[in-house]
Protein backbone atom coordinates (compact mmCIF):
# COMPACT_ATOMS: atom_id res chain seq x y z
CA UNK A 1 181.22 188.47 -11.99
CA UNK A 2 180.26 184.80 -11.97
CA UNK A 3 178.86 185.09 -8.45
CA UNK A 4 176.65 188.02 -9.51
CA UNK A 5 175.47 186.08 -12.56
CA UNK A 6 174.52 183.16 -10.31
CA UNK A 7 172.78 185.45 -7.80
CA UNK A 8 170.77 187.04 -10.63
CA UNK A 9 169.74 183.71 -12.11
CA UNK A 10 171.77 184.17 -15.28
CA UNK A 11 174.32 181.43 -14.60
CA UNK A 12 173.84 177.97 -13.19
CA UNK A 13 174.70 177.52 -9.53
CA UNK A 14 177.76 175.37 -9.15
CA UNK A 15 181.42 175.34 -8.30
CA UNK A 16 182.68 178.76 -9.39
CA UNK A 17 186.30 177.61 -9.34
CA UNK A 18 185.50 174.78 -11.76
CA UNK A 19 183.47 177.15 -13.94
CA UNK A 20 186.33 179.65 -14.02
CA UNK A 21 188.83 176.96 -14.96
CA UNK A 22 186.48 175.74 -17.68
CA UNK A 23 186.55 179.24 -19.17
CA UNK A 24 190.27 179.91 -18.80
CA UNK A 25 191.46 176.50 -20.00
CA UNK A 26 190.74 177.01 -23.70
CA UNK A 27 192.18 180.52 -23.63
CA UNK A 28 195.37 179.42 -21.90
CA UNK A 29 195.77 176.54 -24.35
CA UNK A 30 196.33 179.12 -27.09
CA UNK A 31 198.86 180.96 -24.93
CA UNK A 32 200.81 177.79 -24.25
CA UNK A 33 200.47 175.71 -27.41
CA UNK A 34 200.56 178.54 -29.95
CA UNK A 35 202.82 180.85 -27.98
CA UNK A 36 205.20 179.77 -25.24
CA UNK A 37 205.75 176.23 -26.53
CA UNK A 38 206.59 177.38 -30.07
CA UNK A 39 209.98 178.99 -29.49
CA UNK A 40 211.18 178.59 -33.10
CA UNK A 41 208.28 180.53 -34.60
CA UNK A 42 206.40 183.72 -33.92
CA UNK A 43 203.56 183.23 -31.38
CA UNK A 44 200.20 183.13 -33.11
CA UNK A 45 197.32 184.78 -31.26
CA UNK A 46 193.93 183.16 -31.80
CA UNK A 47 191.59 184.74 -34.30
CA UNK A 48 188.99 187.07 -32.77
CA UNK A 49 186.24 184.81 -34.11
CA UNK A 50 187.79 181.84 -32.31
CA UNK A 51 187.82 183.73 -29.00
CA UNK A 52 184.21 184.78 -29.52
CA UNK A 53 183.25 181.16 -30.19
CA UNK A 54 184.95 180.05 -26.96
CA UNK A 55 183.07 182.74 -25.01
CA UNK A 56 179.76 181.86 -26.68
CA UNK A 57 180.17 178.15 -25.94
CA UNK A 58 181.08 178.90 -22.33
CA UNK A 59 178.06 181.15 -21.87
CA UNK A 60 175.79 178.45 -23.29
CA UNK A 61 177.33 175.91 -20.93
CA UNK A 62 176.72 177.98 -17.80
CA UNK A 63 173.40 179.53 -18.84
CA UNK A 64 170.69 179.09 -16.23
CA UNK A 65 168.02 179.24 -18.93
CA UNK A 66 167.80 175.59 -19.96
CA UNK A 67 165.20 176.32 -22.66
CA UNK A 68 167.57 178.81 -24.31
CA UNK A 69 170.37 176.26 -24.22
CA UNK A 70 168.16 173.62 -25.83
CA UNK A 71 166.91 176.02 -28.50
CA UNK A 72 170.42 177.10 -29.43
CA UNK A 73 171.53 173.48 -29.48
CA UNK A 74 168.73 172.62 -31.92
CA UNK A 75 169.58 175.66 -34.10
CA UNK A 76 173.15 174.45 -34.55
CA UNK A 77 172.03 171.08 -35.96
């Protein structure tokens, strides 16, 4: 999927392995820190809004459209 996004000019060209790890890292942190490493309590899945925010931030980070990234960055201020 990432390769197709790069080929179509949607995502920045770069190390796809690093980009994949950048995406999976935050998601796995919830699995580990709020799940597997909390054996005395019930695992807590992240809120849907939190997952959406992670995805949105990732998409902004890899977006090939620099103007869109700058505009969204200014909107959040």
